Amino acid sequence: MDDRNSIIETAHELAEAARGAAMALFRQPSLGVDNKAPAHFDPVTAADRAAEDAMRAILARRRPQDGILGEERGHTEGTSGLTWVLDPIDGTRAFLCGTPTWGVLIAVSDAKGPVYGLIDQPHIGERFEGGFGLAQVAGPHGIHPLRTRAPRPLREAFLSSTFPEVGSAEEEAAFRRVKDQARLTRYGMDCYAYALLAAGQIDLVIEAGLQPYDIHAPIAVIQAAGGLVTDWTGGPAVQGGRVLAAANAAIHAEAMALLNA
């Protein structure tokens, strides 16, 4: 691509705009919430919508030729072959509870999948970046390279998932086969778990029921840091669904064997 600098600059401008929009409403007692799925609790707030609208306004000005896929405002066609995949607040439940592990996901994808992505943590002030030769985190403690953890056996591994009850009963049973072998399992970190995997802090993230906007940015960041993200059978994960993110090929193979046992 001949406009990498434009893409990177635009992505950071989007992240700053989403930070401001979301932080203006974070931990505010007057924040209202709607439920997008009456069968279960799938919350959306004014902060989700404001953050996505702020990003879309920048894209309309800076890159009107690109498509957009956003969680709250849907799909807008483009002509460039590139699509911005946006999750304005990944972890709305965490946002509602006042915990700081929610984030903003921004990816740029072509027909094959993500080529660049950001995982931004507005309250913590960390921004994880991957693609176009970059793999780094910038935050209160400076700028540091991202590198996933070296191979170690599953019995020594750290595993994360957003919910203890992963997807269907069958998917939950598969997840538990991995969980029962791992040394440590943590829940509830949403997109921050993928950032920590890229930073070499954990070994695996296993989830189900994801949407493309949940996973495009993590794919870009983790792959840039040396890890891999697939579905549970080793195929592409760009459409979401069942996702297995791993620090390296060895731990990925060990986890995938148990998921499909």
Protein backbone atom coordinates (compact mmCIF):
# COMPACT_ATOMS: atom_id res chain seq x y z
CA MET A 1 0.00 0.00 0.00
CA ASP A 2 1.25 3.49 -0.80
CA ASP A 3 -0.79 5.23 1.88
CA ARG A 4 0.38 3.43 5.01
CA ASN A 5 1.24 6.66 6.77
CA SER A 6 -2.23 8.02 6.07
CA ILE A 7 -3.83 4.86 7.43
CA ILE A 8 -1.71 4.88 10.59
CA GLU A 9 -2.27 8.57 11.23
CA THR A 10 -6.00 8.18 10.64
CA ALA A 11 -6.20 5.19 12.97
CA HIS A 12 -4.58 7.12 15.79
CA GLU A 13 -6.87 10.07 15.16
CA LEU A 14 -9.85 7.71 15.39
CA ALA A 15 -8.52 6.26 18.64
CA GLU A 16 -8.11 9.71 20.17
CA ALA A 17 -11.62 10.71 19.14
CA ALA A 18 -13.15 7.51 20.51
CA ARG A 19 -11.20 7.93 23.76
CA GLY A 20 -12.62 11.39 24.27
CA ALA A 21 -16.19 10.40 23.44
CA ALA A 22 -16.17 7.33 25.67
CA MET A 23 -14.29 8.83 28.61
CA ALA A 24 -16.75 11.74 28.74
CA LEU A 25 -19.42 9.23 29.77
CA PHE A 26 -17.37 6.66 31.69
CA ARG A 27 -18.44 6.17 35.32
CA GLN A 28 -21.21 8.73 34.93
CA PRO A 29 -24.30 7.80 36.99
CA SER A 30 -26.64 9.27 34.39
CA LEU A 31 -25.43 6.94 31.62
CA GLY A 32 -28.40 5.12 30.12
CA VAL A 33 -28.32 1.64 28.66
CA ASP A 34 -30.40 -0.15 26.03
CA ASN A 35 -30.56 -3.89 25.43
CA LYS A 36 -29.97 -4.95 21.83
CA ALA A 37 -31.05 -8.59 22.37
CA PRO A 38 -34.17 -9.13 24.52
CA ALA A 39 -33.40 -12.84 24.88
CA HIS A 40 -30.25 -11.97 26.85
CA PHE A 41 -28.39 -8.88 28.05
CA ASP A 42 -26.45 -7.31 25.15
CA PRO A 43 -26.04 -3.70 26.26
CA VAL A 44 -25.38 -0.58 24.22
CA THR A 45 -24.95 2.92 25.62
CA ALA A 46 -24.71 6.48 24.40
CA ALA A 47 -20.95 6.12 24.79
CA ASP A 48 -20.83 3.27 22.25
CA ARG A 49 -22.76 5.30 19.71
CA ALA A 50 -20.88 8.55 20.36
CA ALA A 51 -17.49 6.86 19.99
CA GLU A 52 -18.43 5.23 16.69
CA ASP A 53 -20.00 8.42 15.35
CA ALA A 54 -16.83 10.36 16.19
CA MET A 55 -14.71 7.83 14.28
CA ARG A 56 -17.06 7.78 11.30
CA ALA A 57 -16.94 11.56 11.06
CA ILE A 58 -13.16 11.47 10.77
CA LEU A 59 -13.25 8.74 8.14
CA ALA A 60 -15.80 10.71 6.11
CA ARG A 61 -13.36 13.60 6.07
CA ARG A 62 -10.03 11.83 5.73
CA ARG A 63 -10.77 8.57 3.87
CA PRO A 64 -14.21 8.67 2.24
CA GLN A 65 -13.12 6.06 -0.31
CA ASP A 66 -12.84 3.32 2.36
CA GLY A 67 -15.61 1.10 3.62
CA ILE A 68 -16.65 0.94 7.28
CA LEU A 69 -17.97 -1.94 9.35
CA GLY A 70 -19.00 -0.76 12.82
CA GLU A 71 -20.78 -2.55 15.61
CA GLU A 72 -23.37 0.16 16.19
CA ARG A 73 -23.91 1.74 12.75
CA GLY A 74 -23.43 -1.23 10.43
CA HIS A 75 -21.70 -1.49 7.07
CA THR A 76 -20.91 1.36 4.71
CA GLU A 77 -19.56 0.38 1.29
CA GLY A 78 -16.32 1.85 -0.04
CA THR A 79 -14.45 1.87 -3.34
CA SER A 80 -10.81 1.45 -2.24
CA GLY A 81 -10.85 -2.23 -1.30
CA LEU A 82 -10.14 -1.32 2.33
CA THR A 83 -12.61 -1.47 5.20
CA TRP A 84 -12.30 0.08 8.65
CA VAL A 85 -13.61 -2.43 11.18
CA LEU A 86 -14.66 -0.60 14.35
CA ASP A 87 -15.80 -1.69 17.79
CA PRO A 88 -16.30 1.61 19.62
CA ILE A 89 -16.44 -0.03 23.06
CA ASP A 90 -15.40 -3.64 23.28
CA GLY A 91 -16.54 -4.64 26.75
CA THR A 92 -19.67 -2.56 27.26
CA ARG A 93 -20.53 -4.66 30.33
CA ALA A 94 -17.16 -3.72 31.84
CA PHE A 95 -17.81 -0.09 30.89
CA LEU A 96 -21.16 -0.20 32.70
CA CYS A 97 -19.52 -1.63 35.82
CA GLY A 98 -16.78 1.02 35.86
CA THR A 99 -13.92 -1.42 35.32
CA PRO A 100 -11.09 -0.19 33.08
CA THR A 101 -10.49 -3.22 30.85
CA TRP A 102 -12.89 -2.18 28.04
CA GLY A 103 -11.30 -0.84 24.91
CA VAL A 104 -11.68 0.58 21.43
CA LEU A 105 -10.91 -1.72 18.50
CA ILE A 106 -9.82 -0.26 15.17
CA ALA A 107 -8.68 -2.34 12.21
CA VAL A 108 -8.07 -1.80 8.52
CA SER A 109 -8.82 -4.87 6.43
CA ASP A 110 -8.63 -5.87 2.80
CA ALA A 111 -10.29 -8.84 1.13
CA LYS A 112 -7.93 -11.26 2.90
CA GLY A 113 -8.30 -9.84 6.39
CA PRO A 114 -6.74 -7.29 8.76
CA VAL A 115 -3.56 -5.54 7.69
CA TYR A 116 -3.28 -3.10 10.61
CA GLY A 117 -4.97 -2.70 13.97
CA LEU A 118 -5.14 -0.86 17.28
CA ILE A 119 -6.38 -2.05 20.66
CA ASP A 120 -6.83 1.15 22.65
CA GLN A 121 -7.41 1.28 26.41
CA PRO A 122 -8.74 4.79 27.11
CA HIS A 123 -8.86 4.74 30.91
CA ILE A 124 -5.55 2.93 31.34
CA GLY A 125 -3.94 4.99 28.59
CA GLU A 126 -2.34 2.10 26.71
CA ARG A 127 -2.49 1.66 22.95
CA PHE A 128 -1.42 -1.62 21.33
CA GLU A 129 -0.50 -1.38 17.66
CA GLY A 130 0.23 -4.00 15.02
CA GLY A 131 0.78 -4.09 11.28
CA PHE A 132 2.86 -2.42 8.56
CA GLY A 133 6.01 -3.54 10.38
CA LEU A 134 4.86 -2.16 13.74
CA ALA A 135 4.31 -4.19 16.91
CA GLN A 136 4.34 -1.95 19.95
CA VAL A 137 2.46 -0.62 22.94
CA ALA A 138 2.50 3.04 23.96
CA GLY A 139 1.30 4.17 27.35
CA PRO A 140 2.13 5.75 30.70
CA HIS A 141 5.37 3.77 30.93
CA GLY A 142 6.65 4.62 27.47
CA ILE A 143 6.76 2.75 24.18
CA HIS A 144 7.73 -0.91 24.18
CA PRO A 145 7.85 -3.65 21.53
CA LEU A 146 5.22 -6.37 21.55
CA ARG A 147 6.33 -9.99 21.44
CA THR A 148 4.25 -13.02 22.30
CA ARG A 149 5.43 -15.58 24.84
CA ALA A 150 7.80 -18.38 23.86
CA PRO A 151 6.45 -21.95 23.80
CA ARG A 152 5.74 -23.72 27.06
CA PRO A 153 3.46 -26.68 27.85
CA LEU A 154 -0.26 -26.13 28.35
CA ARG A 155 0.12 -27.27 31.96
CA GLU A 156 2.18 -24.10 32.52
CA ALA A 157 0.04 -21.79 30.38
CA PHE A 158 -2.19 -18.83 31.25
CA LEU A 159 -5.59 -18.83 29.53
CA SER A 160 -8.23 -16.12 29.22
CA SER A 161 -11.85 -15.93 28.09
CA THR A 162 -14.49 -13.26 28.55
CA PHE A 163 -17.13 -15.53 30.11
CA PRO A 164 -16.86 -18.81 32.06
CA GLU A 165 -19.85 -20.07 30.06
CA VAL A 166 -18.38 -20.11 26.55
CA GLY A 167 -21.07 -20.26 23.88
CA SER A 168 -23.20 -23.40 23.59
CA ALA A 169 -23.02 -26.36 25.95
CA GLU A 170 -20.81 -28.15 23.41
CA GLU A 171 -18.48 -25.15 23.11
CA GLU A 172 -18.31 -24.76 26.88
CA ALA A 173 -17.36 -28.43 27.26
CA ALA A 174 -14.58 -28.01 24.66
CA PHE A 175 -13.27 -24.91 26.42
CA ARG A 176 -13.22 -26.72 29.75
CA ARG A 177 -11.03 -29.46 28.30
CA VAL A 178 -8.39 -26.79 27.72
CA LYS A 179 -9.09 -24.96 30.98
CA ASP A 180 -8.65 -28.13 33.01
CA GLN A 181 -5.13 -28.54 31.64
CA ALA A 182 -3.98 -24.90 31.92
CA ARG A 183 -2.19 -23.59 34.98
CA LEU A 184 -4.29 -20.41 35.31
CA THR A 185 -7.54 -19.17 33.77
CA ARG A 186 -8.83 -15.60 34.01
CA TYR A 187 -12.15 -14.16 32.85
CA GLY A 188 -13.73 -10.83 31.96
CA MET A 189 -10.93 -8.89 30.27
CA ASP A 190 -12.63 -8.52 26.87
CA CYS A 191 -10.22 -7.13 24.27
CA TYR A 192 -7.54 -6.48 26.88
CA ALA A 193 -6.84 -10.22 27.00
CA TYR A 194 -5.76 -10.13 23.34
CA ALA A 195 -3.51 -7.16 24.08
CA LEU A 196 -1.91 -9.03 26.97
CA LEU A 197 -1.33 -12.04 24.74
CA ALA A 198 0.47 -9.79 22.24
CA ALA A 199 2.52 -8.36 25.11
CA GLY A 200 3.72 -11.80 26.20
CA GLN A 201 1.75 -11.91 29.45
CA ILE A 202 -0.61 -14.80 28.68
CA ASP A 203 -0.57 -17.76 26.30
CA LEU A 204 -4.12 -18.32 25.05
CA VAL A 205 -7.47 -16.63 24.52
CA ILE A 206 -10.41 -18.88 23.64
CA GLU A 207 -13.87 -17.51 22.85
CA ALA A 208 -17.01 -18.26 20.83
CA GLY A 209 -19.82 -16.23 19.34
CA LEU A 210 -17.63 -13.34 18.21
CA GLN A 211 -18.36 -10.88 15.41
CA PRO A 212 -15.82 -9.59 12.85
CA TYR A 213 -15.55 -6.25 14.68
CA ASP A 214 -14.55 -8.14 17.85
CA ILE A 215 -11.54 -9.83 16.32
CA HIS A 216 -10.05 -7.93 13.35
CA ALA A 217 -7.94 -5.56 15.46
CA PRO A 218 -6.73 -8.33 17.81
CA ILE A 219 -5.73 -10.44 14.80
CA ALA A 220 -3.58 -7.62 13.42
CA VAL A 221 -1.91 -6.87 16.75
CA ILE A 222 -1.28 -10.49 17.75
CA GLN A 223 0.07 -11.54 14.37
CA ALA A 224 2.42 -8.55 14.33
CA ALA A 225 3.70 -9.64 17.76
CA GLY A 226 4.43 -13.18 16.56
CA GLY A 227 1.27 -15.02 17.60
CA LEU A 228 -1.58 -16.52 15.63
CA VAL A 229 -5.37 -16.28 15.65
CA THR A 230 -7.59 -18.90 14.00
CA ASP A 231 -10.94 -20.54 14.45
CA TRP A 232 -11.07 -23.70 16.56
CA THR A 233 -10.14 -25.88 13.58
CA GLY A 234 -7.15 -23.79 12.48
CA GLY A 235 -8.99 -21.89 9.73
CA PRO A 236 -9.36 -18.12 9.32
CA ALA A 237 -11.03 -16.24 12.18
CA VAL A 238 -11.87 -13.03 10.32
CA GLN A 239 -15.61 -13.74 10.45
CA GLY A 240 -15.54 -14.21 14.23
CA GLY A 241 -17.36 -17.18 15.68
CA ARG A 242 -15.12 -19.60 17.56
CA VAL A 243 -11.71 -18.00 18.08
CA LEU A 244 -8.43 -19.44 19.33
CA ALA A 245 -5.65 -16.89 19.84
CA ALA A 246 -2.26 -18.27 20.79
CA ALA A 247 1.19 -16.97 21.60
CA ASN A 248 2.89 -19.52 19.35
CA ALA A 249 2.23 -22.51 17.12
CA ALA A 250 3.08 -25.11 19.78
CA ILE A 251 0.56 -23.94 22.38
CA HIS A 252 -1.98 -23.35 19.60
CA ALA A 253 -1.69 -26.98 18.47
CA GLU A 254 -2.01 -28.32 22.01
CA ALA A 255 -5.13 -26.25 22.71
CA MET A 256 -6.72 -27.00 19.34
CA ALA A 257 -6.34 -30.73 19.85
CA LEU A 258 -8.31 -30.51 23.10
CA LEU A 259 -10.99 -28.24 21.60
CA ASN A 260 -11.62 -30.85 18.94
CA ALA A 261 -11.18 -33.97 21.07
